[in-house]
Amino acid sequence: MSNAEEMKPEEVLRVELEVFRREHRDLDDAITALEQTGRADQLQLRRLKKQKLALKDKIAAIEDKLTPDIIA
């Protein structure tokens, strides 16, 4: 049995969350670097920003799953 099979669903979500956060930061750094060159390809920038937004949505969805609902 591998480690992935032994992990609880919540642990898997936490690992995925960390991976997505790292990818989000990397995209942010790449976008910033491209913008600072002053000659960034606008199409490439749009694609990177769209990818970053999709990661943000995935991060939010996982955080929602990990955060217990509080009933007021």
PDB file of N, CA and C in Angstrom:
ATOM      1  N   MET A   1       0.844  -1.184   0.000  1.00  0.00           N
ATOM      2  CA  MET A   1       0.000   0.000   0.000  1.00  0.00           C
ATOM      3  C   MET A   1       0.889   1.247   0.000  1.00  0.00           C
ATOM      4  N   SER A   2       0.652   2.163  -0.901  1.00  0.00           N
ATOM      5  CA  SER A   2       1.465   3.370  -0.993  1.00  0.00           C
ATOM      6  C   SER A   2       0.989   4.417   0.011  1.00  0.00           C
ATOM      7  N   ASN A   3       1.797   5.457   0.180  1.00  0.00           N
ATOM      8  CA  ASN A   3       1.432   6.532   1.109  1.00  0.00           C
ATOM      9  C   ASN A   3       0.136   7.206   0.714  1.00  0.00           C
ATOM     10  N   ALA A   4      -0.079   7.398  -0.586  1.00  0.00           N
ATOM     11  CA  ALA A   4      -1.297   8.069  -1.053  1.00  0.00           C
ATOM     12  C   ALA A   4      -2.535   7.266  -0.675  1.00  0.00           C
ATOM     13  N   GLU A   5      -2.427   5.940  -0.708  1.00  0.00           N
ATOM     14  CA  GLU A   5      -3.560   5.101  -0.355  1.00  0.00           C
ATOM     15  C   GLU A   5      -3.833   5.115   1.140  1.00  0.00           C
ATOM     16  N   GLU A   6      -2.799   5.386   1.938  1.00  0.00           N
ATOM     17  CA  GLU A   6      -2.940   5.386   3.392  1.00  0.00           C
ATOM     18  C   GLU A   6      -3.403   6.739   3.921  1.00  0.00           C
ATOM     19  N   MET A   7      -3.316   7.778   3.114  1.00  0.00           N
ATOM     20  CA  MET A   7      -3.678   9.117   3.567  1.00  0.00           C
ATOM     21  C   MET A   7      -5.189   9.257   3.652  1.00  0.00           C
ATOM     22  N   LYS A   8      -5.621   9.994   4.648  1.00  0.00           N
ATOM     23  CA  LYS A   8      -7.037  10.297   4.804  1.00  0.00           C
ATOM     24  C   LYS A   8      -7.428  11.359   3.785  1.00  0.00           C
ATOM     25  N   PRO A   9      -8.702  11.403   3.406  1.00  0.00           N
ATOM     26  CA  PRO A   9      -9.128  12.407   2.417  1.00  0.00           C
ATOM     27  C   PRO A   9      -8.754  13.839   2.795  1.00  0.00           C
ATOM     28  N   GLU A  10      -8.845  14.158   4.074  1.00  0.00           N
ATOM     29  CA  GLU A  10      -8.497  15.521   4.505  1.00  0.00           C
ATOM     30  C   GLU A  10      -7.010  15.794   4.293  1.00  0.00           C
ATOM     31  N   GLU A  11      -6.165  14.793   4.538  1.00  0.00           N
ATOM     32  CA  GLU A  11      -4.731  14.965   4.338  1.00  0.00           C
ATOM     33  C   GLU A  11      -4.411  15.165   2.864  1.00  0.00           C
ATOM     34  N   VAL A  12      -5.104  14.429   2.001  1.00  0.00           N
ATOM     35  CA  VAL A  12      -4.914  14.576   0.562  1.00  0.00           C
ATOM     36  C   VAL A  12      -5.285  15.994   0.141  1.00  0.00           C
ATOM     37  N   LEU A  13      -6.404  16.489   0.666  1.00  0.00           N
ATOM     38  CA  LEU A  13      -6.833  17.856   0.344  1.00  0.00           C
ATOM     39  C   LEU A  13      -5.798  18.881   0.797  1.00  0.00           C
ATOM     40  N   ARG A  14      -5.220  18.661   1.971  1.00  0.00           N
ATOM     41  CA  ARG A  14      -4.215  19.605   2.478  1.00  0.00           C
ATOM     42  C   ARG A  14      -2.961  19.610   1.603  1.00  0.00           C
ATOM     43  N   VAL A  15      -2.562  18.432   1.126  1.00  0.00           N
ATOM     44  CA  VAL A  15      -1.407  18.349   0.228  1.00  0.00           C
ATOM     45  C   VAL A  15      -1.725  19.061  -1.088  1.00  0.00           C
ATOM     46  N   GLU A  16      -2.895  18.781  -1.642  1.00  0.00           N
ATOM     47  CA  GLU A  16      -3.304  19.446  -2.887  1.00  0.00           C
ATOM     48  C   GLU A  16      -3.342  20.963  -2.689  1.00  0.00           C
ATOM     49  N   LEU A  17      -3.864  21.389  -1.560  1.00  0.00           N
ATOM     50  CA  LEU A  17      -3.959  22.815  -1.261  1.00  0.00           C
ATOM     51  C   LEU A  17      -2.576  23.459  -1.290  1.00  0.00           C
ATOM     52  N   GLU A  18      -1.610  22.818  -0.675  1.00  0.00           N
ATOM     53  CA  GLU A  18      -0.253  23.365  -0.641  1.00  0.00           C
ATOM     54  C   GLU A  18       0.354  23.404  -2.041  1.00  0.00           C
ATOM     55  N   VAL A  19       0.122  22.374  -2.829  1.00  0.00           N
ATOM     56  CA  VAL A  19       0.636  22.343  -4.208  1.00  0.00           C
ATOM     57  C   VAL A  19       0.017  23.475  -5.024  1.00  0.00           C
ATOM     58  N   PHE A  20      -1.304  23.638  -4.922  1.00  0.00           N
ATOM     59  CA  PHE A  20      -1.986  24.697  -5.669  1.00  0.00           C
ATOM     60  C   PHE A  20      -1.522  26.072  -5.219  1.00  0.00           C
ATOM     61  N   ARG A  21      -1.305  26.259  -3.917  1.00  0.00           N
ATOM     62  CA  ARG A  21      -0.823  27.553  -3.418  1.00  0.00           C
ATOM     63  C   ARG A  21       0.562  27.864  -3.970  1.00  0.00           C
ATOM     64  N   ARG A  22       1.415  26.845  -4.022  1.00  0.00           N
ATOM     65  CA  ARG A  22       2.767  27.029  -4.552  1.00  0.00           C
ATOM     66  C   ARG A  22       2.704  27.397  -6.039  1.00  0.00           C
ATOM     67  N   GLU A  23       1.868  26.686  -6.795  1.00  0.00           N
ATOM     68  CA  GLU A  23       1.704  26.987  -8.216  1.00  0.00           C
ATOM     69  C   GLU A  23       1.172  28.410  -8.413  1.00  0.00           C
ATOM     70  N   HIS A  24       0.235  28.817  -7.561  1.00  0.00           N
ATOM     71  CA  HIS A  24      -0.344  30.159  -7.628  1.00  0.00           C
ATOM     72  C   HIS A  24       0.747  31.209  -7.408  1.00  0.00           C
ATOM     73  N   ARG A  25       1.593  30.991  -6.396  1.00  0.00           N
ATOM     74  CA  ARG A  25       2.698  31.924  -6.124  1.00  0.00           C
ATOM     75  C   ARG A  25       3.674  31.975  -7.303  1.00  0.00           C
ATOM     76  N   ASP A  26       3.980  30.801  -7.869  1.00  0.00           N
ATOM     77  CA  ASP A  26       4.900  30.741  -9.005  1.00  0.00           C
ATOM     78  C   ASP A  26       4.336  31.505 -10.204  1.00  0.00           C
ATOM     79  N   LEU A  27       3.045  31.339 -10.463  1.00  0.00           N
ATOM     80  CA  LEU A  27       2.413  32.076 -11.559  1.00  0.00           C
ATOM     81  C   LEU A  27       2.447  33.574 -11.298  1.00  0.00           C
ATOM     82  N   ASP A  28       2.194  33.954 -10.060  1.00  0.00           N
ATOM     83  CA  ASP A  28       2.226  35.365  -9.684  1.00  0.00           C
ATOM     84  C   ASP A  28       3.616  35.942  -9.953  1.00  0.00           C
ATOM     85  N   ASP A  29       4.650  35.194  -9.567  1.00  0.00           N
ATOM     86  CA  ASP A  29       6.032  35.639  -9.805  1.00  0.00           C
ATOM     87  C   ASP A  29       6.319  35.746 -11.296  1.00  0.00           C
ATOM     88  N   ALA A  30       5.849  34.776 -12.079  1.00  0.00           N
ATOM     89  CA  ALA A  30       6.080  34.784 -13.521  1.00  0.00           C
ATOM     90  C   ALA A  30       5.383  35.972 -14.181  1.00  0.00           C
ATOM     91  N   ILE A  31       4.150  36.235 -13.759  1.00  0.00           N
ATOM     92  CA  ILE A  31       3.392  37.367 -14.306  1.00  0.00           C
ATOM     93  C   ILE A  31       4.101  38.677 -13.973  1.00  0.00           C
ATOM     94  N   THR A  32       4.529  38.817 -12.743  1.00  0.00           N
ATOM     95  CA  THR A  32       5.233  40.034 -12.320  1.00  0.00           C
ATOM     96  C   THR A  32       6.517  40.220 -13.130  1.00  0.00           C
ATOM     97  N   ALA A  33       7.264  39.142 -13.302  1.00  0.00           N
ATOM     98  CA  ALA A  33       8.514  39.225 -14.056  1.00  0.00           C
ATOM     99  C   ALA A  33       8.255  39.625 -15.509  1.00  0.00           C
ATOM    100  N   LEU A  34       7.231  39.046 -16.108  1.00  0.00           N
ATOM    101  CA  LEU A  34       6.899  39.394 -17.498  1.00  0.00           C
ATOM    102  C   LEU A  34       6.472  40.856 -17.622  1.00  0.00           C
ATOM    103  N   GLU A  35       5.673  41.319 -16.662  1.00  0.00           N
ATOM    104  CA  GLU A  35       5.195  42.703 -16.708  1.00  0.00           C
ATOM    105  C   GLU A  35       6.349  43.693 -16.527  1.00  0.00           C
ATOM    106  N   GLN A  36       7.349  43.314 -15.751  1.00  0.00           N
ATOM    107  CA  GLN A  36       8.468  44.209 -15.479  1.00  0.00           C
ATOM    108  C   GLN A  36       9.415  44.336 -16.665  1.00  0.00           C
ATOM    109  N   THR A  37       9.371  43.372 -17.576  1.00  0.00           N
ATOM    110  CA  THR A  37      10.245  43.472 -18.749  1.00  0.00           C
ATOM    111  C   THR A  37       9.806  44.599 -19.661  1.00  0.00           C
ATOM    112  N   GLY A  38       8.520  44.953 -19.590  1.00  0.00           N
ATOM    113  CA  GLY A  38       8.010  46.034 -20.414  1.00  0.00           C
ATOM    114  C   GLY A  38       7.681  45.601 -21.828  1.00  0.00           C
ATOM    115  N   ARG A  39       7.969  44.377 -22.163  1.00  0.00           N
ATOM    116  CA  ARG A  39       7.669  43.900 -23.520  1.00  0.00           C
ATOM    117  C   ARG A  39       6.998  42.528 -23.458  1.00  0.00           C
ATOM    118  N   ALA A  40       6.125  42.391 -22.490  1.00  0.00           N
ATOM    119  CA  ALA A  40       5.436  41.122 -22.277  1.00  0.00           C
ATOM    120  C   ALA A  40       4.400  40.875 -23.367  1.00  0.00           C
ATOM    121  N   ASP A  41       4.270  39.632 -23.757  1.00  0.00           N
ATOM    122  CA  ASP A  41       3.256  39.204 -24.713  1.00  0.00           C
ATOM    123  C   ASP A  41       1.903  39.231 -24.002  1.00  0.00           C
ATOM    124  N   GLN A  42       1.000  40.074 -24.471  1.00  0.00           N
ATOM    125  CA  GLN A  42      -0.289  40.255 -23.795  1.00  0.00           C
ATOM    126  C   GLN A  42      -1.118  38.973 -23.777  1.00  0.00           C
ATOM    127  N   LEU A  43      -1.049  38.199 -24.843  1.00  0.00           N
ATOM    128  CA  LEU A  43      -1.786  36.935 -24.894  1.00  0.00           C
ATOM    129  C   LEU A  43      -1.252  35.969 -23.835  1.00  0.00           C
ATOM    130  N   GLN A  44       0.056  35.891 -23.726  1.00  0.00           N
ATOM    131  CA  GLN A  44       0.663  35.025 -22.716  1.00  0.00           C
ATOM    132  C   GLN A  44       0.285  35.487 -21.310  1.00  0.00           C
ATOM    133  N   LEU A  45       0.305  36.797 -21.090  1.00  0.00           N
ATOM    134  CA  LEU A  45      -0.072  37.339 -19.783  1.00  0.00           C
ATOM    135  C   LEU A  45      -1.520  36.982 -19.442  1.00  0.00           C
ATOM    136  N   ARG A  46      -2.416  37.130 -20.419  1.00  0.00           N
ATOM    137  CA  ARG A  46      -3.828  36.792 -20.181  1.00  0.00           C
ATOM    138  C   ARG A  46      -3.981  35.316 -19.826  1.00  0.00           C
ATOM    139  N   ARG A  47      -3.249  34.460 -20.534  1.00  0.00           N
ATOM    140  CA  ARG A  47      -3.324  33.020 -20.259  1.00  0.00           C
ATOM    141  C   ARG A  47      -2.814  32.693 -18.855  1.00  0.00           C
ATOM    142  N   LEU A  48      -1.710  33.320 -18.475  1.00  0.00           N
ATOM    143  CA  LEU A  48      -1.162  33.086 -17.137  1.00  0.00           C
ATOM    144  C   LEU A  48      -2.115  33.584 -16.051  1.00  0.00           C
ATOM    145  N   LYS A  49      -2.719  34.743 -16.283  1.00  0.00           N
ATOM    146  CA  LYS A  49      -3.654  35.295 -15.304  1.00  0.00           C
ATOM    147  C   LYS A  49      -4.903  34.426 -15.188  1.00  0.00           C
ATOM    148  N   LYS A  50      -5.354  33.877 -16.325  1.00  0.00           N
ATOM    149  CA  LYS A  50      -6.516  32.987 -16.320  1.00  0.00           C
ATOM    150  C   LYS A  50      -6.193  31.701 -15.552  1.00  0.00           C
ATOM    151  N   GLN A  51      -4.994  31.190 -15.781  1.00  0.00           N
ATOM    152  CA  GLN A  51      -4.537  29.992 -15.074  1.00  0.00           C
ATOM    153  C   GLN A  51      -4.448  30.260 -13.570  1.00  0.00           C
ATOM    154  N   LYS A  52      -3.936  31.442 -13.217  1.00  0.00           N
ATOM    155  CA  LYS A  52      -3.815  31.828 -11.814  1.00  0.00           C
ATOM    156  C   LYS A  52      -5.190  31.930 -11.161  1.00  0.00           C
ATOM    157  N   LEU A  53      -6.156  32.494 -11.880  1.00  0.00           N
ATOM    158  CA  LEU A  53      -7.517  32.613 -11.366  1.00  0.00           C
ATOM    159  C   LEU A  53      -8.159  31.240 -11.158  1.00  0.00           C
ATOM    160  N   ALA A  54      -7.910  30.317 -12.092  1.00  0.00           N
ATOM    161  CA  ALA A  54      -8.445  28.957 -11.954  1.00  0.00           C
ATOM    162  C   ALA A  54      -7.855  28.279 -10.713  1.00  0.00           C
ATOM    163  N   LEU A  55      -6.573  28.495 -10.469  1.00  0.00           N
ATOM    164  CA  LEU A  55      -5.949  27.936  -9.267  1.00  0.00           C
ATOM    165  C   LEU A  55      -6.556  28.543  -8.012  1.00  0.00           C
ATOM    166  N   LYS A  56      -6.829  29.848  -8.056  1.00  0.00           N
ATOM    167  CA  LYS A  56      -7.437  30.525  -6.906  1.00  0.00           C
ATOM    168  C   LYS A  56      -8.796  29.899  -6.595  1.00  0.00           C
ATOM    169  N   ASP A  57      -9.558  29.580  -7.642  1.00  0.00           N
ATOM    170  CA  ASP A  57     -10.862  28.937  -7.453  1.00  0.00           C
ATOM    171  C   ASP A  57     -10.706  27.550  -6.839  1.00  0.00           C
ATOM    172  N   LYS A  58      -9.707  26.794  -7.304  1.00  0.00           N
ATOM    173  CA  LYS A  58      -9.459  25.455  -6.744  1.00  0.00           C
ATOM    174  C   LYS A  58      -9.063  25.558  -5.270  1.00  0.00           C
ATOM    175  N   ILE A  59      -8.208  26.534  -4.964  1.00  0.00           N
ATOM    176  CA  ILE A  59      -7.773  26.750  -3.579  1.00  0.00           C
ATOM    177  C   ILE A  59      -8.972  27.067  -2.695  1.00  0.00           C
ATOM    178  N   ALA A  60      -9.837  27.961  -3.164  1.00  0.00           N
ATOM    179  CA  ALA A  60     -11.022  28.343  -2.391  1.00  0.00           C
ATOM    180  C   ALA A  60     -11.944  27.141  -2.170  1.00  0.00           C
ATOM    181  N   ALA A  61     -12.104  26.313  -3.193  1.00  0.00           N
ATOM    182  CA  ALA A  61     -12.973  25.135  -3.066  1.00  0.00           C
ATOM    183  C   ALA A  61     -12.424  24.155  -2.030  1.00  0.00           C
ATOM    184  N   ILE A  62     -11.123  23.954  -2.035  1.00  0.00           N
ATOM    185  CA  ILE A  62     -10.514  23.038  -1.059  1.00  0.00           C
ATOM    186  C   ILE A  62     -10.612  23.630   0.340  1.00  0.00           C
ATOM    187  N   GLU A  63     -10.357  24.930   0.470  1.00  0.00           N
ATOM    188  CA  GLU A  63     -10.463  25.573   1.784  1.00  0.00           C
ATOM    189  C   GLU A  63     -11.883  25.449   2.323  1.00  0.00           C
ATOM    190  N   ASP A  64     -12.880  25.564   1.448  1.00  0.00           N
ATOM    191  CA  ASP A  64     -14.274  25.403   1.877  1.00  0.00           C
ATOM    192  C   ASP A  64     -14.534  23.995   2.396  1.00  0.00           C
ATOM    193  N   LYS A  65     -13.940  22.999   1.735  1.00  0.00           N
ATOM    194  CA  LYS A  65     -14.116  21.612   2.165  1.00  0.00           C
ATOM    195  C   LYS A  65     -13.453  21.354   3.527  1.00  0.00           C
ATOM    196  N   LEU A  66     -12.329  22.033   3.751  1.00  0.00           N
ATOM    197  CA  LEU A  66     -11.572  21.809   4.986  1.00  0.00           C
ATOM    198  C   LEU A  66     -12.094  22.616   6.164  1.00  0.00           C
ATOM    199  N   THR A  67     -12.838  23.684   5.881  1.00  0.00           N
ATOM    200  CA  THR A  67     -13.358  24.532   6.944  1.00  0.00           C
ATOM    201  C   THR A  67     -14.767  24.055   7.315  1.00  0.00           C
ATOM    202  N   PRO A  68     -14.959  23.703   8.577  1.00  0.00           N
ATOM    203  CA  PRO A  68     -16.293  23.244   8.972  1.00  0.00           C
ATOM    204  C   PRO A  68     -17.313  24.387   8.887  1.00  0.00           C
ATOM    205  N   ASP A  69     -18.518  24.014   8.505  1.00  0.00           N
ATOM    206  CA  ASP A  69     -19.596  24.995   8.433  1.00  0.00           C
ATOM    207  C   ASP A  69     -19.979  25.420   9.849  1.00  0.00           C
ATOM    208  N   ILE A  70     -20.139  26.732  10.027  1.00  0.00           N
ATOM    209  CA  ILE A  70     -20.553  27.260  11.328  1.00  0.00           C
ATOM    210  C   ILE A  70     -21.991  27.745  11.179  1.00  0.00           C
ATOM    211  N   ILE A  71     -22.866  27.147  11.951  1.00  0.00           N
ATOM    212  CA  ILE A  71     -24.271  27.512  11.893  1.00  0.00           C
ATOM    213  C   ILE A  71     -24.526  28.572  12.951  1.00  0.00           C
ATOM    214  N   ALA A  72     -24.999  29.732  12.506  1.00  0.00           N
ATOM    215  CA  ALA A  72     -25.214  30.844  13.437  1.00  0.00           C
ATOM    216  C   ALA A  72     -26.527  30.694  14.147  1.00  0.00           C
TER     217      ALA A  72
END
